[in-house]
Amino acid sequence: MLKLFKKKEKQNKVLSSMANGKSVAIEDVPDEVFSTKMMGDGIAVIPDDGKIYAPCNGKISMVMDNTKHALGIETEDGMELLIHVGLDTVNLMGEGFATHVSAGDSVETGELLISYDKTDFVTKGINDITMLVIVENGGHEITKYNINENVHIIESPLIEYK
């Protein structure tokens, strides 16, 4: 029998890893603001190197120009994301950071957003764990967080949603 009016299932979408490294549950980030989800739900990555990439196609909604440690992205389907590099990195006032995008720029998955000197961070004892926070879910439902995995930009989904 033909099912002409079959309800179409929403296909899962993904937010790819914004860094090469190891994924970590947001609850395990050693900073109360993130671990208690004050900023929103999400996931974190312990980066292998000092490069942070776009986890999705979208538009840069804001860049912390003076500190260069964080930026916002609005996905093509309405989610608002915050990428925050490191713990207490706001205190560096941009030292060691470079941003490669500006507010209003369109970006594609895997595009370089922020770079920093990881060796310098390690020497200074700065934790560079990087958080991907969902500030506004845009009406989407999160279906999976891929935690405790070795992740790579573009090819590794961090968050799956529909």
Protein backbone atom coordinates (compact mmCIF):
# COMPACT_ATOMS: atom_id res chain seq x y z
CA MET A 1 0.00 0.00 0.00
CA LEU A 2 1.25 3.45 -0.89
CA LYS A 3 1.74 5.89 1.93
CA LEU A 4 1.02 9.22 0.29
CA PHE A 5 0.79 11.17 3.50
CA LYS A 6 3.65 9.60 5.41
CA LYS A 7 4.97 11.98 8.04
CA LYS A 8 8.46 13.04 7.05
CA GLU A 9 11.05 12.52 9.80
CA LYS A 10 13.29 15.47 10.58
CA GLN A 11 16.83 14.50 9.70
CA ASN A 12 19.48 15.06 12.37
CA LYS A 13 21.78 18.00 11.81
CA VAL A 14 25.22 18.45 13.34
CA LEU A 15 27.53 21.02 14.85
CA SER A 16 31.00 19.82 13.95
CA SER A 17 34.01 20.01 16.20
CA MET A 18 35.48 23.49 16.37
CA ALA A 19 38.94 22.08 17.16
CA ASN A 20 41.05 18.97 16.80
CA GLY A 21 41.28 17.36 20.21
CA LYS A 22 39.21 15.56 22.84
CA SER A 23 35.52 16.29 23.50
CA VAL A 24 34.37 16.84 27.08
CA ALA A 25 30.92 17.16 28.67
CA ILE A 26 30.11 20.78 29.55
CA GLU A 27 29.40 19.61 33.11
CA ASP A 28 33.08 18.58 33.38
CA VAL A 29 34.50 22.01 32.48
CA PRO A 30 36.41 23.26 35.56
CA ASP A 31 34.54 26.58 35.60
CA GLU A 32 31.19 26.99 37.33
CA VAL A 33 29.81 29.41 34.73
CA PHE A 34 30.03 26.70 32.08
CA SER A 35 29.61 23.50 34.12
CA THR A 36 26.34 24.72 35.66
CA LYS A 37 25.13 25.85 32.21
CA MET A 38 24.64 29.49 33.26
CA MET A 39 25.49 30.54 29.70
CA GLY A 40 23.59 27.63 28.13
CA ASP A 41 24.00 23.95 27.38
CA GLY A 42 26.82 22.72 25.18
CA ILE A 43 30.05 20.78 24.96
CA ALA A 44 33.78 21.47 25.22
CA VAL A 45 36.95 20.39 23.44
CA ILE A 46 40.48 20.23 24.79
CA PRO A 47 42.32 21.43 21.66
CA ASP A 48 45.45 19.74 20.30
CA ASP A 49 46.65 23.02 18.82
CA GLY A 50 45.84 26.71 18.97
CA LYS A 51 43.26 26.87 16.19
CA ILE A 52 39.48 27.20 16.54
CA TYR A 53 37.21 26.67 13.52
CA ALA A 54 33.57 27.23 12.59
CA PRO A 55 31.40 24.29 13.71
CA CYS A 56 28.75 25.11 11.09
CA ASN A 57 27.75 27.41 8.28
CA GLY A 58 26.43 30.68 9.63
CA LYS A 59 27.02 34.32 10.37
CA ILE A 60 29.35 35.78 12.99
CA SER A 61 27.05 37.66 15.37
CA MET A 62 29.77 39.13 17.60
CA VAL A 63 33.49 39.04 18.25
CA MET A 64 35.06 40.10 21.52
CA ASP A 65 37.37 42.51 19.68
CA ASN A 66 39.29 43.71 22.73
CA THR A 67 39.94 40.25 24.24
CA LYS A 68 39.65 38.03 21.12
CA HIS A 69 38.82 35.00 23.29
CA ALA A 70 35.17 34.53 22.30
CA LEU A 71 32.71 34.98 19.47
CA GLY A 72 29.12 34.28 18.55
CA ILE A 73 27.71 32.47 15.52
CA GLU A 74 24.14 32.29 14.31
CA THR A 75 23.55 29.09 12.35
CA GLU A 76 21.66 29.11 9.06
CA ASP A 77 18.74 27.45 10.86
CA GLY A 78 18.48 29.88 13.77
CA MET A 79 20.66 28.58 16.62
CA GLU A 80 22.80 31.08 18.49
CA LEU A 81 26.17 29.73 19.57
CA LEU A 82 29.02 31.03 21.69
CA ILE A 83 32.57 29.79 21.26
CA HIS A 84 34.69 30.63 24.31
CA VAL A 85 38.40 29.81 24.27
CA GLY A 86 39.99 28.91 27.59
CA LEU A 87 39.34 29.66 31.23
CA ASP A 88 39.97 33.16 32.57
CA THR A 89 41.37 34.11 29.15
CA VAL A 90 39.42 37.37 29.24
CA ASN A 91 42.16 38.57 31.62
CA LEU A 92 44.74 38.28 28.82
CA MET A 93 43.08 41.25 27.08
CA GLY A 94 43.73 39.70 23.67
CA GLU A 95 47.42 38.91 24.24
CA GLY A 96 48.37 35.80 22.29
CA PHE A 97 45.09 35.69 20.34
CA ALA A 98 44.27 36.49 16.71
CA THR A 99 40.75 36.64 15.30
CA HIS A 100 40.25 35.83 11.64
CA VAL A 101 36.62 36.98 11.27
CA SER A 102 34.52 40.04 12.10
CA ALA A 103 30.92 40.51 13.17
CA GLY A 104 28.66 40.17 10.13
CA ASP A 105 30.96 37.77 8.25
CA SER A 106 29.45 34.62 6.76
CA VAL A 107 31.44 31.48 7.58
CA GLU A 108 31.47 27.88 6.46
CA THR A 109 32.11 24.76 8.53
CA GLY A 110 35.85 24.37 9.09
CA GLU A 111 36.76 28.03 8.50
CA LEU A 112 39.46 29.36 10.86
CA LEU A 113 37.94 31.74 13.43
CA ILE A 114 40.49 32.23 16.23
CA SER A 115 44.12 31.23 16.68
CA TYR A 116 46.36 31.48 19.73
CA ASP A 117 49.79 30.43 20.91
CA LYS A 118 49.10 27.12 22.66
CA THR A 119 52.75 26.71 23.72
CA ASP A 120 52.60 30.08 25.47
CA PHE A 121 49.32 29.11 27.18
CA VAL A 122 50.86 25.85 28.45
CA THR A 123 53.97 27.71 29.69
CA LYS A 124 51.77 30.20 31.57
CA GLY A 125 49.49 27.47 32.97
CA ILE A 126 46.42 28.72 31.07
CA ASN A 127 43.70 26.12 30.48
CA ASP A 128 42.66 26.39 26.81
CA ILE A 129 39.60 24.11 27.01
CA THR A 130 37.18 25.59 24.50
CA MET A 131 33.42 25.65 24.98
CA LEU A 132 30.70 25.51 22.34
CA VAL A 133 27.62 26.87 24.12
CA ILE A 134 24.10 26.89 22.72
CA VAL A 135 22.85 30.30 23.83
CA GLU A 136 19.54 29.93 21.94
CA ASN A 137 18.41 26.65 20.38
CA GLY A 138 16.20 28.25 17.73
CA GLY A 139 13.44 25.74 18.41
CA HIS A 140 15.68 22.74 17.75
CA GLU A 141 15.95 19.67 19.95
CA ILE A 142 19.40 18.39 20.90
CA THR A 143 19.52 14.64 20.28
CA LYS A 144 23.14 13.77 21.16
CA TYR A 145 26.36 15.13 22.62
CA ASN A 146 29.43 13.21 21.42
CA ILE A 147 31.64 13.34 24.51
CA ASN A 148 34.92 11.67 25.47
CA GLU A 149 35.92 11.22 21.83
CA ASN A 150 38.93 12.22 19.78
CA VAL A 151 37.48 14.83 17.43
CA HIS A 152 38.57 16.55 14.23
CA ILE A 153 37.25 19.65 12.54
CA ILE A 154 34.61 19.15 9.82
CA GLU A 155 34.48 15.34 10.12
CA SER A 156 33.52 14.89 13.82
CA PRO A 157 30.01 15.81 14.97
CA LEU A 158 30.03 17.29 18.49
CA ILE A 159 26.33 18.00 18.83
CA GLU A 160 23.48 16.40 16.89
CA TYR A 161 20.06 18.02 16.73
CA LYS A 162 16.78 18.13 14.84
